[in-house]
Amino acid sequence: MTMVIHRTAAQLREQRQKLLDEVGMTYETLRERASMYSLSMDELDVWHTIEGIDYLLDGDC
């Protein structure tokens, strides 16, 4: 059976900010470093998670 987690847009924005705080970067800095392939594995995981959150927020979940 598949598990589905429901989050509000506000919860997603809060999670997104916590992730950025964890890596100590702004979104712009993280995006720039991702484009230059200069992220650690943990930072890359954060980047991919933020991309997923942004996808959900763009869909106005």
N, C-alpha and C. Protein backbone atom coordinates (compact mmCIF):
# COMPACT_ATOMS: atom_id res chain seq x y z
N MET A 1 0.83 -1.18 0.00
CA MET A 1 0.00 0.00 0.00
C MET A 1 0.88 1.24 0.00
N THR A 2 0.54 2.23 -0.80
CA THR A 2 1.30 3.45 -0.92
C THR A 2 0.93 4.43 0.18
N MET A 3 1.95 5.06 0.76
CA MET A 3 1.72 6.07 1.78
C MET A 3 1.78 7.45 1.12
N VAL A 4 0.82 8.29 1.43
CA VAL A 4 0.79 9.64 0.89
C VAL A 4 0.88 10.62 2.05
N ILE A 5 1.79 11.57 1.91
CA ILE A 5 1.95 12.60 2.94
C ILE A 5 1.34 13.88 2.40
N HIS A 6 0.45 14.48 3.17
CA HIS A 6 -0.19 15.72 2.77
C HIS A 6 0.44 16.88 3.51
N ARG A 7 0.82 17.92 2.77
CA ARG A 7 1.39 19.13 3.36
C ARG A 7 0.74 20.34 2.72
N THR A 8 0.57 21.37 3.53
CA THR A 8 0.04 22.62 2.99
C THR A 8 1.18 23.38 2.32
N ALA A 9 0.82 24.37 1.52
CA ALA A 9 1.84 25.21 0.88
C ALA A 9 2.70 25.90 1.95
N ALA A 10 2.09 26.33 3.04
CA ALA A 10 2.84 26.98 4.12
C ALA A 10 3.84 26.01 4.74
N GLN A 11 3.44 24.76 4.92
CA GLN A 11 4.36 23.76 5.48
C GLN A 11 5.52 23.49 4.53
N LEU A 12 5.24 23.46 3.24
CA LEU A 12 6.30 23.25 2.25
C LEU A 12 7.28 24.42 2.25
N ARG A 13 6.77 25.64 2.33
CA ARG A 13 7.66 26.81 2.38
C ARG A 13 8.52 26.79 3.63
N GLU A 14 7.94 26.38 4.75
CA GLU A 14 8.69 26.28 6.00
C GLU A 14 9.78 25.21 5.90
N GLN A 15 9.44 24.07 5.33
CA GLN A 15 10.43 23.00 5.15
C GLN A 15 11.56 23.47 4.23
N ARG A 16 11.20 24.18 3.17
CA ARG A 16 12.18 24.69 2.21
C ARG A 16 13.17 25.62 2.91
N GLN A 17 12.67 26.52 3.74
CA GLN A 17 13.54 27.45 4.44
C GLN A 17 14.42 26.73 5.45
N LYS A 18 13.90 25.74 6.14
CA LYS A 18 14.70 24.96 7.09
C LYS A 18 15.84 24.25 6.38
N LEU A 19 15.58 23.73 5.21
CA LEU A 19 16.63 23.06 4.44
C LEU A 19 17.73 24.04 4.05
N LEU A 20 17.34 25.22 3.60
CA LEU A 20 18.34 26.23 3.25
C LEU A 20 19.15 26.64 4.48
N ASP A 21 18.47 26.77 5.62
CA ASP A 21 19.17 27.11 6.86
C ASP A 21 20.17 26.02 7.25
N GLU A 22 19.78 24.76 7.05
CA GLU A 22 20.65 23.64 7.39
C GLU A 22 21.97 23.68 6.63
N VAL A 23 21.91 24.06 5.35
CA VAL A 23 23.15 24.11 4.56
C VAL A 23 23.80 25.49 4.62
N GLY A 24 23.14 26.44 5.26
CA GLY A 24 23.72 27.77 5.44
C GLY A 24 23.90 28.55 4.15
N MET A 25 22.95 28.39 3.23
CA MET A 25 23.03 29.09 1.94
C MET A 25 21.68 29.68 1.59
N THR A 26 21.72 30.69 0.74
CA THR A 26 20.49 31.19 0.15
C THR A 26 20.14 30.29 -1.02
N TYR A 27 18.91 30.42 -1.50
CA TYR A 27 18.50 29.64 -2.66
C TYR A 27 19.40 29.95 -3.85
N GLU A 28 19.70 31.22 -4.04
CA GLU A 28 20.52 31.63 -5.19
C GLU A 28 21.92 31.02 -5.13
N THR A 29 22.52 31.01 -3.95
CA THR A 29 23.85 30.43 -3.79
C THR A 29 23.81 28.92 -4.05
N LEU A 30 22.82 28.27 -3.48
CA LEU A 30 22.68 26.83 -3.67
C LEU A 30 22.47 26.50 -5.15
N ARG A 31 21.61 27.26 -5.82
CA ARG A 31 21.36 27.04 -7.25
C ARG A 31 22.63 27.24 -8.06
N GLU A 32 23.39 28.29 -7.75
CA GLU A 32 24.62 28.57 -8.48
C GLU A 32 25.64 27.46 -8.29
N ARG A 33 25.80 27.01 -7.05
CA ARG A 33 26.75 25.93 -6.79
C ARG A 33 26.30 24.63 -7.44
N ALA A 34 24.98 24.39 -7.48
CA ALA A 34 24.47 23.19 -8.15
C ALA A 34 24.79 23.24 -9.64
N SER A 35 24.65 24.42 -10.23
CA SER A 35 24.92 24.54 -11.67
C SER A 35 26.40 24.34 -12.00
N MET A 36 27.27 24.54 -11.00
CA MET A 36 28.72 24.36 -11.20
C MET A 36 29.19 23.00 -10.67
N TYR A 37 28.22 22.15 -10.26
CA TYR A 37 28.54 20.82 -9.73
C TYR A 37 29.51 20.88 -8.55
N SER A 38 29.29 21.85 -7.66
CA SER A 38 30.21 22.00 -6.53
C SER A 38 29.49 21.87 -5.18
N LEU A 39 28.56 20.92 -5.11
CA LEU A 39 27.86 20.65 -3.86
C LEU A 39 28.33 19.33 -3.26
N SER A 40 28.34 19.28 -1.93
CA SER A 40 28.60 18.00 -1.26
C SER A 40 27.37 17.11 -1.47
N MET A 41 27.48 15.86 -1.09
CA MET A 41 26.34 14.94 -1.25
C MET A 41 25.14 15.41 -0.44
N ASP A 42 25.37 15.87 0.78
CA ASP A 42 24.27 16.37 1.62
C ASP A 42 23.63 17.60 1.00
N GLU A 43 24.46 18.52 0.49
CA GLU A 43 23.93 19.72 -0.16
C GLU A 43 23.16 19.36 -1.42
N LEU A 44 23.64 18.37 -2.15
CA LEU A 44 22.93 17.93 -3.36
C LEU A 44 21.58 17.33 -3.01
N ASP A 45 21.51 16.59 -1.92
CA ASP A 45 20.22 16.05 -1.46
C ASP A 45 19.25 17.20 -1.15
N VAL A 46 19.76 18.23 -0.49
CA VAL A 46 18.93 19.40 -0.17
C VAL A 46 18.46 20.06 -1.46
N TRP A 47 19.36 20.21 -2.42
CA TRP A 47 19.01 20.84 -3.69
C TRP A 47 17.88 20.08 -4.39
N HIS A 48 18.00 18.76 -4.43
CA HIS A 48 16.96 17.96 -5.09
C HIS A 48 15.63 18.05 -4.34
N THR A 49 15.69 18.08 -3.03
CA THR A 49 14.48 18.21 -2.24
C THR A 49 13.82 19.57 -2.48
N ILE A 50 14.62 20.61 -2.54
CA ILE A 50 14.08 21.95 -2.81
C ILE A 50 13.48 22.02 -4.21
N GLU A 51 14.12 21.38 -5.18
CA GLU A 51 13.54 21.34 -6.52
C GLU A 51 12.16 20.67 -6.49
N GLY A 52 12.03 19.60 -5.73
CA GLY A 52 10.75 18.92 -5.61
C GLY A 52 9.70 19.78 -4.92
N ILE A 53 10.11 20.47 -3.87
CA ILE A 53 9.20 21.38 -3.17
C ILE A 53 8.74 22.49 -4.10
N ASP A 54 9.68 23.07 -4.83
CA ASP A 54 9.33 24.14 -5.78
C ASP A 54 8.36 23.63 -6.84
N TYR A 55 8.55 22.40 -7.29
CA TYR A 55 7.64 21.81 -8.28
C TYR A 55 6.23 21.73 -7.69
N LEU A 56 6.14 21.26 -6.45
CA LEU A 56 4.82 21.16 -5.81
C LEU A 56 4.20 22.54 -5.60
N LEU A 57 5.00 23.50 -5.19
CA LEU A 57 4.47 24.86 -4.96
C LEU A 57 4.04 25.51 -6.27
N ASP A 58 4.76 25.25 -7.35
CA ASP A 58 4.37 25.80 -8.65
C ASP A 58 3.04 25.22 -9.11
N GLY A 59 2.75 24.00 -8.66
CA GLY A 59 1.48 23.35 -8.98
C GLY A 59 0.36 23.80 -8.07
N ASP A 60 0.69 24.71 -7.15
CA ASP A 60 -0.28 25.28 -6.20
C ASP A 60 -1.00 24.18 -5.43
N CYS A 61 -0.20 23.34 -4.78
CA CYS A 61 -0.74 22.18 -4.07
C CYS A 61 -1.66 22.55 -2.92
